Amino acid sequence: MVDAASWLSQYQGFTDAVSDALLKYHHASEANSLAMLMIYNRYRPDPSMASLLEKVRANHPNKTFQALAAFSLSNGVKESKKKEVLLEEAEAKIGDYAFNDRSIKPMIVGELFEMRNLNIGQMAPEIEGEDIDGVVFKLSDYRGKVVMLDFWGHW
C-alpha cells in the first residue's frame, strides 16, 4: 500500500486520500517509501505534503520518522528561529538512521552549523591548509586583510 500511495503522490499530487493512506498503512510495511517521500520532499518540496509531514512529526510512533518529517519541513521555512527549532528536533530524534547507506544526522548537523556560524557579518570559522607552495597557513593569519578563497577539487 505504501508503494501505491508513493506512486499516486508522484503522479497525482498529495491529496488528503494519499496522505491518509500513507498514515494508515505504512506501519505494516518496511516504511522505506514513507522515508523516501520525506527525504525526496526535502529537496523538491511539495506544499501539499506539509499536512502529512506535520501529522507524522506530531503523531508517528517512531521518533526517526518524526525526525525525518521535521527535517523535511525545515527546508520550506523562511523564519530562521522556526527552521532552527525543526532542525534541532530532527537532530535530537534521528539517531543513526541512514537512507541508501547515507547517514542523515551529518546533514542536519551541517545545516545547523551553517545557520549558526556562516552568516554575513559573522567571523569566518578557522580554516587551515596548504598554499600552492605547500606552506601551511591559517585563515586567521590574514585577519584584517582582503582574502579570496577558492575551494576546488577533482574527485
Foldseek 3Di string as FASTA:
>chain_A
DLVVLLVCCVVVNQDVVSLVCCVVPCVPDPNLSVLVVLVVCLVVPDVSCLVSLVCQLVPPPQLLSVLSSLSSVLSPDDDLVSSLVSLVSNLVRNPQDDRPNHGPNVVSVVVNCCSVAPDPPHDHDKDWDADPVRHIDIPVVQPPHDDDDDDDDDD
